[in-house]
């Protein structure tokens, strides 16, 4: 498997954002972007067409987007945790 990373667009105080960050246990690098503090992150999250937080984007080491989703999506979290478990 190629190395992957995920980016989570979130905001402080969002319980679904916090839970997603806790539950997503992929052995990979991650980046959290606070959409309140970072206007570019807000624009990027909106450009994906999602209207709920968090927005998660899974990217491979070549920059290809493998998956995106919004909200606390337990089935997606389970899928990626199992696919890239240690």
PDB file of N, CA and C in Angstrom:
ATOM      1  N   UNK A   1       0.838  -1.193   0.000  1.00  0.00           N
ATOM      2  CA  UNK A   1       0.000   0.000   0.000  1.00  0.00           C
ATOM      3  C   UNK A   1       0.876   1.246   0.000  1.00  0.00           C
ATOM      4  N   UNK A   2       0.414   2.227  -0.726  1.00  0.00           N
ATOM      5  CA  UNK A   2       1.142   3.492  -0.741  1.00  0.00           C
ATOM      6  C   UNK A   2       0.859   4.270   0.532  1.00  0.00           C
ATOM      7  N   UNK A   3       1.763   5.161   0.852  1.00  0.00           N
ATOM      8  CA  UNK A   3       1.540   6.018   2.008  1.00  0.00           C
ATOM      9  C   UNK A   3       0.373   6.939   1.713  1.00  0.00           C
ATOM     10  N   UNK A   4      -0.430   7.171   2.717  1.00  0.00           N
ATOM     11  CA  UNK A   4      -1.557   8.079   2.565  1.00  0.00           C
ATOM     12  C   UNK A   4      -1.560   9.053   3.722  1.00  0.00           C
ATOM     13  N   UNK A   5      -2.323  10.107   3.549  1.00  0.00           N
ATOM     14  CA  UNK A   5      -2.537  11.056   4.626  1.00  0.00           C
ATOM     15  C   UNK A   5      -3.987  11.481   4.585  1.00  0.00           C
ATOM     16  N   UNK A   6      -4.436  12.060   5.661  1.00  0.00           N
ATOM     17  CA  UNK A   6      -5.766  12.636   5.622  1.00  0.00           C
ATOM     18  C   UNK A   6      -5.735  14.056   6.140  1.00  0.00           C
ATOM     19  N   UNK A   7      -6.625  14.839   5.582  1.00  0.00           N
ATOM     20  CA  UNK A   7      -6.823  16.215   6.013  1.00  0.00           C
ATOM     21  C   UNK A   7      -8.237  16.305   6.551  1.00  0.00           C
ATOM     22  N   UNK A   8      -8.386  16.848   7.746  1.00  0.00           N
ATOM     23  CA  UNK A   8      -9.704  17.016   8.326  1.00  0.00           C
ATOM     24  C   UNK A   8      -9.972  18.507   8.507  1.00  0.00           C
ATOM     25  N   UNK A   9     -11.005  18.978   7.840  1.00  0.00           N
ATOM     26  CA  UNK A   9     -11.448  20.363   7.977  1.00  0.00           C
ATOM     27  C   UNK A   9     -12.462  20.385   9.116  1.00  0.00           C
ATOM     28  N   UNK A  10     -12.189  21.217  10.111  1.00  0.00           N
ATOM     29  CA  UNK A  10     -12.996  21.190  11.332  1.00  0.00           C
ATOM     30  C   UNK A  10     -13.066  22.573  11.947  1.00  0.00           C
ATOM     31  N   UNK A  11     -13.722  22.647  13.083  1.00  0.00           N
ATOM     32  CA  UNK A  11     -13.705  23.888  13.857  1.00  0.00           C
ATOM     33  C   UNK A  11     -13.689  23.543  15.335  1.00  0.00           C
ATOM     34  N   UNK A  12     -13.132  24.423  16.110  1.00  0.00           N
ATOM     35  CA  UNK A  12     -13.022  24.225  17.553  1.00  0.00           C
ATOM     36  C   UNK A  12     -14.419  24.087  18.156  1.00  0.00           C
ATOM     37  N   UNK A  13     -14.555  23.126  19.049  1.00  0.00           N
ATOM     38  CA  UNK A  13     -15.824  22.925  19.735  1.00  0.00           C
ATOM     39  C   UNK A  13     -16.792  21.994  19.014  1.00  0.00           C
ATOM     40  N   UNK A  14     -16.438  21.537  17.838  1.00  0.00           N
ATOM     41  CA  UNK A  14     -17.297  20.632  17.067  1.00  0.00           C
ATOM     42  C   UNK A  14     -17.097  19.207  17.585  1.00  0.00           C
ATOM     43  N   UNK A  15     -18.132  18.646  18.190  1.00  0.00           N
ATOM     44  CA  UNK A  15     -18.023  17.307  18.772  1.00  0.00           C
ATOM     45  C   UNK A  15     -17.838  16.225  17.712  1.00  0.00           C
ATOM     46  N   UNK A  16     -18.481  16.373  16.554  1.00  0.00           N
ATOM     47  CA  UNK A  16     -18.312  15.389  15.485  1.00  0.00           C
ATOM     48  C   UNK A  16     -16.877  15.435  14.945  1.00  0.00           C
ATOM     49  N   UNK A  17     -16.301  16.612  14.899  1.00  0.00           N
ATOM     50  CA  UNK A  17     -14.904  16.763  14.473  1.00  0.00           C
ATOM     51  C   UNK A  17     -13.982  16.065  15.471  1.00  0.00           C
ATOM     52  N   UNK A  18     -14.217  16.298  16.730  1.00  0.00           N
ATOM     53  CA  UNK A  18     -13.397  15.689  17.784  1.00  0.00           C
ATOM     54  C   UNK A  18     -13.495  14.175  17.733  1.00  0.00           C
ATOM     55  N   UNK A  19     -14.708  13.647  17.615  1.00  0.00           N
ATOM     56  CA  UNK A  19     -14.911  12.192  17.568  1.00  0.00           C
ATOM     57  C   UNK A  19     -14.256  11.578  16.330  1.00  0.00           C
ATOM     58  N   UNK A  20     -14.387  12.247  15.191  1.00  0.00           N
ATOM     59  CA  UNK A  20     -13.762  11.731  13.978  1.00  0.00           C
ATOM     60  C   UNK A  20     -12.257  11.638  14.168  1.00  0.00           C
ATOM     61  N   UNK A  21     -11.648  12.679  14.723  1.00  0.00           N
ATOM     62  CA  UNK A  21     -10.212  12.671  14.973  1.00  0.00           C
ATOM     63  C   UNK A  21      -9.786  11.576  15.923  1.00  0.00           C
ATOM     64  N   UNK A  22     -10.613  11.268  16.903  1.00  0.00           N
ATOM     65  CA  UNK A  22     -10.307  10.207  17.860  1.00  0.00           C
ATOM     66  C   UNK A  22     -10.453   8.832  17.210  1.00  0.00           C
ATOM     67  N   UNK A  23     -11.513   8.645  16.433  1.00  0.00           N
ATOM     68  CA  UNK A  23     -11.826   7.334  15.872  1.00  0.00           C
ATOM     69  C   UNK A  23     -10.986   6.965  14.651  1.00  0.00           C
ATOM     70  N   UNK A  24     -10.549   7.936  13.893  1.00  0.00           N
ATOM     71  CA  UNK A  24      -9.782   7.654  12.676  1.00  0.00           C
ATOM     72  C   UNK A  24      -8.346   7.313  13.075  1.00  0.00           C
ATOM     73  N   UNK A  25      -8.023   6.042  13.081  1.00  0.00           N
ATOM     74  CA  UNK A  25      -6.749   5.533  13.618  1.00  0.00           C
ATOM     75  C   UNK A  25      -5.821   5.021  12.529  1.00  0.00           C
ATOM     76  N   UNK A  26      -5.833   5.631  11.379  1.00  0.00           N
ATOM     77  CA  UNK A  26      -4.961   5.199  10.296  1.00  0.00           C
ATOM     78  C   UNK A  26      -3.514   5.523  10.657  1.00  0.00           C
ATOM     79  N   UNK A  27      -2.595   4.569  10.409  1.00  0.00           N
ATOM     80  CA  UNK A  27      -1.173   4.837  10.712  1.00  0.00           C
ATOM     81  C   UNK A  27      -0.564   5.714   9.625  1.00  0.00           C
ATOM     82  N   UNK A  28      -0.887   6.967   9.659  1.00  0.00           N
ATOM     83  CA  UNK A  28      -0.493   7.878   8.600  1.00  0.00           C
ATOM     84  C   UNK A  28      -0.376   9.284   9.153  1.00  0.00           C
ATOM     85  N   UNK A  29       0.137  10.158   8.358  1.00  0.00           N
ATOM     86  CA  UNK A  29       0.192  11.557   8.777  1.00  0.00           C
ATOM     87  C   UNK A  29      -1.181  12.185   8.580  1.00  0.00           C
ATOM     88  N   UNK A  30      -1.459  13.157   9.370  1.00  0.00           N
ATOM     89  CA  UNK A  30      -2.738  13.842   9.257  1.00  0.00           C
ATOM     90  C   UNK A  30      -2.532  15.336   9.451  1.00  0.00           C
ATOM     91  N   UNK A  31      -3.515  16.050   9.019  1.00  0.00           N
ATOM     92  CA  UNK A  31      -3.488  17.501   9.150  1.00  0.00           C
ATOM     93  C   UNK A  31      -4.898  17.943   9.494  1.00  0.00           C
ATOM     94  N   UNK A  32      -5.036  18.793  10.473  1.00  0.00           N
ATOM     95  CA  UNK A  32      -6.336  19.344  10.823  1.00  0.00           C
ATOM     96  C   UNK A  32      -6.335  20.822  10.474  1.00  0.00           C
ATOM     97  N   UNK A  33      -7.363  21.241   9.756  1.00  0.00           N
ATOM     98  CA  UNK A  33      -7.472  22.635   9.327  1.00  0.00           C
ATOM     99  C   UNK A  33      -8.701  23.252   9.966  1.00  0.00           C
ATOM    100  N   UNK A  34      -8.504  24.236  10.814  1.00  0.00           N
ATOM    101  CA  UNK A  34      -9.612  24.942  11.449  1.00  0.00           C
ATOM    102  C   UNK A  34     -10.187  25.934  10.449  1.00  0.00           C
ATOM    103  N   UNK A  35     -11.407  25.699   9.999  1.00  0.00           N
ATOM    104  CA  UNK A  35     -11.999  26.547   8.959  1.00  0.00           C
ATOM    105  C   UNK A  35     -12.366  27.935   9.466  1.00  0.00           C
ATOM    106  N   UNK A  36     -12.425  28.110  10.776  1.00  0.00           N
ATOM    107  CA  UNK A  36     -12.712  29.431  11.340  1.00  0.00           C
ATOM    108  C   UNK A  36     -11.457  30.304  11.278  1.00  0.00           C
ATOM    109  N   UNK A  37     -10.303  29.717  11.512  1.00  0.00           N
ATOM    110  CA  UNK A  37      -9.045  30.463  11.533  1.00  0.00           C
ATOM    111  C   UNK A  37      -8.359  30.526  10.173  1.00  0.00           C
ATOM    112  N   UNK A  38      -8.770  29.667   9.240  1.00  0.00           N
ATOM    113  CA  UNK A  38      -8.063  29.559   7.966  1.00  0.00           C
ATOM    114  C   UNK A  38      -9.066  29.683   6.814  1.00  0.00           C
ATOM    115  N   UNK A  39      -9.122  30.859   6.205  1.00  0.00           N
ATOM    116  CA  UNK A  39     -10.095  31.105   5.132  1.00  0.00           C
ATOM    117  C   UNK A  39      -9.853  30.213   3.917  1.00  0.00           C
ATOM    118  N   UNK A  40      -8.604  29.905   3.626  1.00  0.00           N
ATOM    119  CA  UNK A  40      -8.302  29.022   2.498  1.00  0.00           C
ATOM    120  C   UNK A  40      -8.881  27.623   2.748  1.00  0.00           C
ATOM    121  N   UNK A  41      -8.758  27.130   3.985  1.00  0.00           N
ATOM    122  CA  UNK A  41      -9.320  25.824   4.328  1.00  0.00           C
ATOM    123  C   UNK A  41     -10.843  25.848   4.207  1.00  0.00           C
ATOM    124  N   UNK A  42     -11.465  26.938   4.598  1.00  0.00           N
ATOM    125  CA  UNK A  42     -12.919  27.076   4.460  1.00  0.00           C
ATOM    126  C   UNK A  42     -13.325  27.022   2.995  1.00  0.00           C
ATOM    127  N   UNK A  43     -12.605  27.743   2.148  1.00  0.00           N
ATOM    128  CA  UNK A  43     -12.911  27.729   0.707  1.00  0.00           C
ATOM    129  C   UNK A  43     -12.744  26.330   0.117  1.00  0.00           C
ATOM    130  N   UNK A  44     -11.673  25.654   0.514  1.00  0.00           N
ATOM    131  CA  UNK A  44     -11.439  24.315  -0.018  1.00  0.00           C
ATOM    132  C   UNK A  44     -12.533  23.343   0.429  1.00  0.00           C
ATOM    133  N   UNK A  45     -12.916  23.399   1.699  1.00  0.00           N
ATOM    134  CA  UNK A  45     -13.979  22.518   2.198  1.00  0.00           C
ATOM    135  C   UNK A  45     -15.294  22.794   1.465  1.00  0.00           C
ATOM    136  N   UNK A  46     -15.615  24.062   1.265  1.00  0.00           N
ATOM    137  CA  UNK A  46     -16.844  24.423   0.546  1.00  0.00           C
ATOM    138  C   UNK A  46     -16.790  23.983  -0.914  1.00  0.00           C
ATOM    139  N   UNK A  47     -15.604  24.040  -1.514  1.00  0.00           N
ATOM    140  CA  UNK A  47     -15.475  23.670  -2.925  1.00  0.00           C
ATOM    141  C   UNK A  47     -15.758  22.185  -3.153  1.00  0.00           C
ATOM    142  N   UNK A  48     -15.665  21.381  -2.107  1.00  0.00           N
ATOM    143  CA  UNK A  48     -15.968  19.951  -2.216  1.00  0.00           C
ATOM    144  C   UNK A  48     -17.468  19.690  -2.163  1.00  0.00           C
ATOM    145  N   UNK A  49     -18.248  20.731  -1.881  1.00  0.00           N
ATOM    146  CA  UNK A  49     -19.700  20.604  -1.908  1.00  0.00           C
ATOM    147  C   UNK A  49     -20.335  20.121  -0.615  1.00  0.00           C
ATOM    148  N   UNK A  50     -19.560  20.035   0.444  1.00  0.00           N
ATOM    149  CA  UNK A  50     -20.108  19.557   1.709  1.00  0.00           C
ATOM    150  C   UNK A  50     -20.619  20.720   2.555  1.00  0.00           C
ATOM    151  N   UNK A  51     -21.642  20.444   3.360  1.00  0.00           N
ATOM    152  CA  UNK A  51     -22.208  21.501   4.190  1.00  0.00           C
ATOM    153  C   UNK A  51     -22.185  21.155   5.681  1.00  0.00           C
ATOM    154  N   UNK A  52     -21.549  20.041   6.039  1.00  0.00           N
ATOM    155  CA  UNK A  52     -21.452  19.645   7.442  1.00  0.00           C
ATOM    156  C   UNK A  52     -19.991  19.372   7.782  1.00  0.00           C
ATOM    157  N   UNK A  53     -19.663  19.530   9.040  1.00  0.00           N
ATOM    158  CA  UNK A  53     -18.312  19.254   9.518  1.00  0.00           C
ATOM    159  C   UNK A  53     -18.303  17.981  10.335  1.00  0.00           C
ATOM    160  N   UNK A  54     -17.159  17.330  10.396  1.00  0.00           N
ATOM    161  CA  UNK A  54     -15.932  17.629   9.690  1.00  0.00           C
ATOM    162  C   UNK A  54     -16.007  17.190   8.232  1.00  0.00           C
ATOM    163  N   UNK A  55     -15.104  17.735   7.433  1.00  0.00           N
ATOM    164  CA  UNK A  55     -14.883  17.259   6.077  1.00  0.00           C
ATOM    165  C   UNK A  55     -13.528  16.564   6.103  1.00  0.00           C
ATOM    166  N   UNK A  56     -13.499  15.322   5.621  1.00  0.00           N
ATOM    167  CA  UNK A  56     -12.267  14.532   5.634  1.00  0.00           C
ATOM    168  C   UNK A  56     -11.881  14.219   4.192  1.00  0.00           C
ATOM    169  N   UNK A  57     -10.599  14.396   3.895  1.00  0.00           N
ATOM    170  CA  UNK A  57     -10.073  14.080   2.568  1.00  0.00           C
ATOM    171  C   UNK A  57      -8.887  13.145   2.746  1.00  0.00           C
ATOM    172  N   UNK A  58      -8.947  11.967   2.091  1.00  0.00           N
ATOM    173  CA  UNK A  58      -7.874  10.985   2.123  1.00  0.00           C
ATOM    174  C   UNK A  58      -7.080  11.148   0.830  1.00  0.00           C
ATOM    175  N   UNK A  59      -5.754  11.274   0.957  1.00  0.00           N
ATOM    176  CA  UNK A  59      -4.887  11.551  -0.184  1.00  0.00           C
ATOM    177  C   UNK A  59      -3.728  10.554  -0.186  1.00  0.00           C
ATOM    178  N   UNK A  60      -3.356  10.049  -1.388  1.00  0.00           N
ATOM    179  CA  UNK A  60      -2.179   9.177  -1.465  1.00  0.00           C
ATOM    180  C   UNK A  60      -0.918  10.023  -1.606  1.00  0.00           C
ATOM    181  N   UNK A  61       0.232   9.358  -1.634  1.00  0.00           N
ATOM    182  CA  UNK A  61       1.513  10.082  -1.655  1.00  0.00           C
ATOM    183  C   UNK A  61       1.780  10.803  -2.972  1.00  0.00           C
ATOM    184  N   UNK A  62       0.941  10.577  -3.983  1.00  0.00           N
ATOM    185  CA  UNK A  62       1.087  11.280  -5.261  1.00  0.00           C
ATOM    186  C   UNK A  62       0.119  12.457  -5.370  1.00  0.00           C
ATOM    187  N   UNK A  63      -0.653  12.691  -4.312  1.00  0.00           N
ATOM    188  CA  UNK A  63      -1.601  13.795  -4.313  1.00  0.00           C
ATOM    189  C   UNK A  63      -2.979  13.451  -4.845  1.00  0.00           C
ATOM    190  N   UNK A  64      -3.202  12.170  -5.173  1.00  0.00           N
ATOM    191  CA  UNK A  64      -4.514  11.748  -5.655  1.00  0.00           C
ATOM    192  C   UNK A  64      -5.491  11.642  -4.496  1.00  0.00           C
ATOM    193  N   UNK A  65      -6.686  12.199  -4.670  1.00  0.00           N
ATOM    194  CA  UNK A  65      -7.717  12.114  -3.650  1.00  0.00           C
ATOM    195  C   UNK A  65      -8.373  10.739  -3.762  1.00  0.00           C
ATOM    196  N   UNK A  66      -8.292   9.968  -2.679  1.00  0.00           N
ATOM    197  CA  UNK A  66      -8.843   8.626  -2.655  1.00  0.00           C
ATOM    198  C   UNK A  66     -10.280   8.598  -2.159  1.00  0.00           C
ATOM    199  N   UNK A  67     -10.631   9.534  -1.281  1.00  0.00           N
ATOM    200  CA  UNK A  67     -11.975   9.552  -0.704  1.00  0.00           C
ATOM    201  C   UNK A  67     -12.207  10.892  -0.028  1.00  0.00           C
ATOM    202  N   UNK A  68     -13.442  11.292   0.042  1.00  0.00           N
ATOM    203  CA  UNK A  68     -13.850  12.472   0.813  1.00  0.00           C
ATOM    204  C   UNK A  68     -15.198  12.173   1.447  1.00  0.00           C
ATOM    205  N   UNK A  69     -15.419  12.771   2.587  1.00  0.00           N
ATOM    206  CA  UNK A  69     -16.740  12.680   3.215  1.00  0.00           C
ATOM    207  C   UNK A  69     -16.891  13.798   4.226  1.00  0.00           C
ATOM    208  N   UNK A  70     -18.128  13.952   4.681  1.00  0.00           N
ATOM    209  CA  UNK A  70     -18.387  14.938   5.722  1.00  0.00           C
ATOM    210  C   UNK A  70     -19.183  14.285   6.841  1.00  0.00           C
ATOM    211  N   UNK A  71     -19.242  14.959   7.960  1.00  0.00           N
ATOM    212  CA  UNK A  71     -19.999  14.532   9.131  1.00  0.00           C
ATOM    213  C   UNK A  71     -19.284  13.366   9.812  1.00  0.00           C
ATOM    214  N   UNK A  72     -19.827  12.886  10.880  1.00  0.00           N
ATOM    215  CA  UNK A  72     -19.278  11.743  11.593  1.00  0.00           C
ATOM    216  C   UNK A  72     -19.749  10.497  10.851  1.00  0.00           C
ATOM    217  N   UNK A  73     -18.936  10.023   9.919  1.00  0.00           N
ATOM    218  CA  UNK A  73     -19.304   8.913   9.039  1.00  0.00           C
ATOM    219  C   UNK A  73     -18.587   7.652   9.520  1.00  0.00           C
ATOM    220  N   UNK A  74     -19.267   6.903  10.378  1.00  0.00           N
ATOM    221  CA  UNK A  74     -18.652   5.745  11.014  1.00  0.00           C
ATOM    222  C   UNK A  74     -18.279   4.651  10.024  1.00  0.00           C
ATOM    223  N   UNK A  75     -19.058   4.480   8.964  1.00  0.00           N
ATOM    224  CA  UNK A  75     -18.724   3.435   7.988  1.00  0.00           C
ATOM    225  C   UNK A  75     -17.438   3.782   7.230  1.00  0.00           C
ATOM    226  N   UNK A  76     -17.246   5.043   6.885  1.00  0.00           N
ATOM    227  CA  UNK A  76     -16.002   5.457   6.212  1.00  0.00           C
ATOM    228  C   UNK A  76     -14.807   5.323   7.155  1.00  0.00           C
ATOM    229  N   UNK A  77     -14.985   5.731   8.399  1.00  0.00           N
ATOM    230  CA  UNK A  77     -13.905   5.626   9.385  1.00  0.00           C
ATOM    231  C   UNK A  77     -13.503   4.164   9.553  1.00  0.00           C
ATOM    232  N   UNK A  78     -14.484   3.276   9.689  1.00  0.00           N
ATOM    233  CA  UNK A  78     -14.208   1.844   9.839  1.00  0.00           C
ATOM    234  C   UNK A  78     -13.470   1.317   8.605  1.00  0.00           C
ATOM    235  N   UNK A  79     -13.944   1.687   7.409  1.00  0.00           N
ATOM    236  CA  UNK A  79     -13.317   1.223   6.173  1.00  0.00           C
ATOM    237  C   UNK A  79     -11.836   1.601   6.127  1.00  0.00           C
ATOM    238  N   UNK A  80     -11.519   2.872   6.359  1.00  0.00           N
ATOM    239  CA  UNK A  80     -10.129   3.324   6.243  1.00  0.00           C
ATOM    240  C   UNK A  80      -9.273   2.790   7.382  1.00  0.00           C
ATOM    241  N   UNK A  81      -9.840   2.644   8.576  1.00  0.00           N
ATOM    242  CA  UNK A  81      -9.084   2.042   9.688  1.00  0.00           C
ATOM    243  C   UNK A  81      -8.715   0.595   9.352  1.00  0.00           C
ATOM    244  N   UNK A  82      -9.653  -0.160   8.782  1.00  0.00           N
ATOM    245  CA  UNK A  82      -9.377  -1.552   8.440  1.00  0.00           C
ATOM    246  C   UNK A  82      -8.415  -1.663   7.259  1.00  0.00           C
ATOM    247  N   UNK A  83      -8.576  -0.798   6.275  1.00  0.00           N
ATOM    248  CA  UNK A  83      -7.740  -0.856   5.075  1.00  0.00           C
ATOM    249  C   UNK A  83      -6.274  -0.559   5.405  1.00  0.00           C
ATOM    250  N   UNK A  84      -6.028   0.336   6.341  1.00  0.00           N
ATOM    251  CA  UNK A  84      -4.665   0.765   6.660  1.00  0.00           C
ATOM    252  C   UNK A  84      -4.302   0.493   8.111  1.00  0.00           C
ATOM    253  N   UNK A  85      -4.813  -0.610   8.655  1.00  0.00           N
ATOM    254  CA  UNK A  85      -4.474  -0.917  10.046  1.00  0.00           C
ATOM    255  C   UNK A  85      -3.028  -1.389  10.142  1.00  0.00           C
ATOM    256  N   UNK A  86      -2.456  -1.196  11.310  1.00  0.00           N
ATOM    257  CA  UNK A  86      -1.053  -1.582  11.542  1.00  0.00           C
ATOM    258  C   UNK A  86      -0.899  -3.087  11.516  1.00  0.00           C
TER     259      UNK A  86
END
